[in-house]
Structure formats: structure tokens, C-alpha cells
């Protein structure tokens, strides 16, 4: 019953917030754009990946400004942890404010609004005489049409600063942990000291009651409970399982991985443990090759930026073509098509150069590949995405449609393209369906190039695949806009 109430609360708060933003904007396109940026940050800032305890002040503020953050906490408390109902009262209260405040403001705005006809967002002065003139006209239209310009340029700049700020800590630092020591030996105390010295764990309480410690976990007072078995030292002497149990929430995958690493390192750092178990186990020293700090930001953001580049260029291209459709320019000749394509291609190309050049350098992301191969992949990627955007835009009747229809695709593409989960563990039909999106191919391509320094031979399958996709999408877009009667 509690979780169902949470579902109602979060859906209501988002719906009302959408109405609030819409009523504060005369243009539907701007409303969708603002809401897309706001809603797409829900998972990033929700405390569901890296702990928000390690984030900067801006990230903490934005996390608490998201209804999804509080809904996610309710889910963790009531579904994963079985917390007391009183633990979730504060989250329900905050969600209630997200319903009451925007709803009140929306009613006030509605009462004062003048429902006169709104002006057209932008009336394109189309001059499509040949390739060069079509190219110039396309670039001018992108620059002068505020919804398109903000999507193509301003959104990319905003995302390059906005998204990485949530992950500046890179790893989970000093997570509060309770330790239950049933052994009470010198070896277990040594282990507790070593747990405290790890960068991931802050031992906030040492207890002898597992039930009391689990209550702290259920009420989210600690991130985990580590229980040391009463035969801990004896088991080590015999070369058996040490008997260490780690209790935590399955809703925090990154936290679980970091705590596992910290506990392993603490055991290995315990002098007596190493001496007693040297004959029973082999010491394995992991050496990260492509992400030496094992930072979450260095892992996820290079992949996210590929999807951001794709989505912003698809929106830009489809909005421009849909805008022209709305004024009756549904058919153009080959030279006009090529000029328009090159105008959109240049926007995508320079956007990718900005990301893989300046943003990667500024944020310190891996960028070890050849510059020639980098430019080649950017050219092929930009060509494929521009063609896809033009193809999608050919089916739409006005500039608002891309935001209305395509906004929900970004998260689907992120989860299904291999950015967050390996494709070989996905259903085959999902992998085959995602082939139509250039990002699915380029995530592996840019990762191999930038993180692993792959050469032309290793990248040959990626280059062939993205080239074929770019050609197919280009021909389909040309068929829709030029050849189809």
C-alpha cells in the first residue's frame, strides 16, 4: 500500500510539474525541452548510482529537487529494506510539496493568462538554390530558430557541465557502515581497523547485536552491516571460509561493488590474515588498465556523451525538416537535400569535436586514440545521425513533434545500447533492434579508440558497420524527401 501511494505521488508530482512549466512557457517546444533536461537528470542525481553523500553542494541540491529521488528512497526503504513506515514520512512530505506548490502556481497563472493566439515560433526564410545556398540557409535557420539552436548548441554545452557534476567524487567515499563482531578476537579487531582505513568505509558503529544493526540498515542510518563470524579466527587458521557476511541494499549496485572491494582489501591488509592464509589462497593484485581510478564518472560519462551527441543531433535535424514540412516544403531536389544534409552534418561534427576535444580534456576522460581515427569515426557518426534525423523529420508535420515523440527514447537507448549493461547478456531481438541507432555501434567504437587506443585493424568492423548504416539512412532520407512522389 505504501509503495502504491509512492507511485501515485511521483506520477502526480511530475504531471503537475509538467503543467507548471508548460503554463509558464508560451511555446510548447521550450516546455518539452526544459522538461526533457529536468526529467533526464532524474536517474543521474537520484542517489541510485553513486552515494549523494560524496557529491558537491550543487549535486545535493539538484538531487533533492527531483521528485524521483524521494520516490526512489521510498522504494528502497519499503521494498528493499523493509523500513518502518515512519522512516518514509519525510519523503512523502517532500513529494506532497511537489504536488501542492506547482499546482497552486499553475492555477494562479491560469487565472491571469491571456488566451490570445500565440505567434509562430519561427518562420524560416527558405532559399534552397543549389548545394551551397541550401547549406547556408540550413545553418542560418539553425542559428535563428531558438528552439533548434538551443537544442543543437546550448543543450550540448549544458549537458557537458550538468551531467558530470553528479559524479565528481568518482567513487563512493566513507559510506557509513555498522560492524557486528561476534569473534571479539585480536584478529577481528585488526580487521575492523583496516576496514576503517579504506577509502570506501566509515565504521560508525561496532555492535554485538546483528538485529540492532539490521534495524539501522533498514532505516537507512547505515549503508551496510558487516558481520564477523564468532569462529572467524579459527576458520582462518584452518584455511576455511573466514565467515564475513555483508548485508546491504540491492538497490545500490555501485555501492555494493565498492563495499565488496573495500572488504576484500581490508582482509588482505590484515597482517595476521595474510600470514594465516598464505598457503590456502593465492594473492591476486588487480591492475585496472583503462580506468585506473575505477571511477564511475570516467566509466559512464564517455558513453553517455555519445548518446547525448546522437539525441541532440536527431532532435535538431528532425525539428528542422518538420519545420519545413509545416510550411509546405515537403519535397526538395538532390542538390537542396545535399546542402541541407551538410549543414546538419557540420553541426553534429563540431558538436562531437567539442565533446571529444574540449570536454574530454577538461574532465580528464580517457582519450588515448589516434586523432585521424577519432576524426574518421566522428565524420561517420555525424553523417549517420544527421541522416536519421532527416528521415525521422520527413514523417513529422511541425517543429513540436520531435520533442513530443522522441523525448522518451533517450533512456531506452541508454539502457539498450550497451552503455550500462553488456549487450551479450541482452535478448537477441533487443540487440538487433538497437542496430538502427548509430550510438549502439559507436559506443564500442569510441570506447575501443579512446580508452584502449585501438588501431585501424581493431576498429575495421566498427568502421564498416557505421559506414553501411550511414549510407542506408542517407538513401532512405533522400528517398523520403527527394524521390518519393
Foldseek 3Di string as FASTA:
>chain_A
DQLVVLVVLQVLLLVLVLLLLPLVDPDLLVSLVVSLVLVVCQVLLLCLEAHQVLADPVSVVSNLVHLSNLSVVSCQLVPFQNADPVLSPVSSVSSVCSNPVSNVSSVVSVVPDDPDDDDDQDDQPDDQDFQQSLLVSLLVCCVPRVSLVCLLPVVLVCCLPPRLSSFPVQAAFAFEEEEAELQPDPLVVQLVVQLCPDGRHHDPYYHNDPVVRSNCQSSVVGAKYKYFDNCQVVCLLVLHDNRIDIDGTPSHPRSVVVVVVSSVVSQCPRVVSCVRNVPNDDDDDDQDQQCRVNGPSLQQVVLLSLLSLLLSLLLSLLLVLLACLQVPLLADADRSLNSNLVNSLVSSLVSLCCCLPVSCVVSVHFAQADPVVVSLLSSLLSLLSNLLSLLNSSVHNHNNVCSVPVSVCSVVLCVLLCSVHHNVPDPPVSNVVSLLHLSSLVSVVNCCGRRVHDDCVVCVVSSVSSNVSSVVSNVSSCCRHYVPD
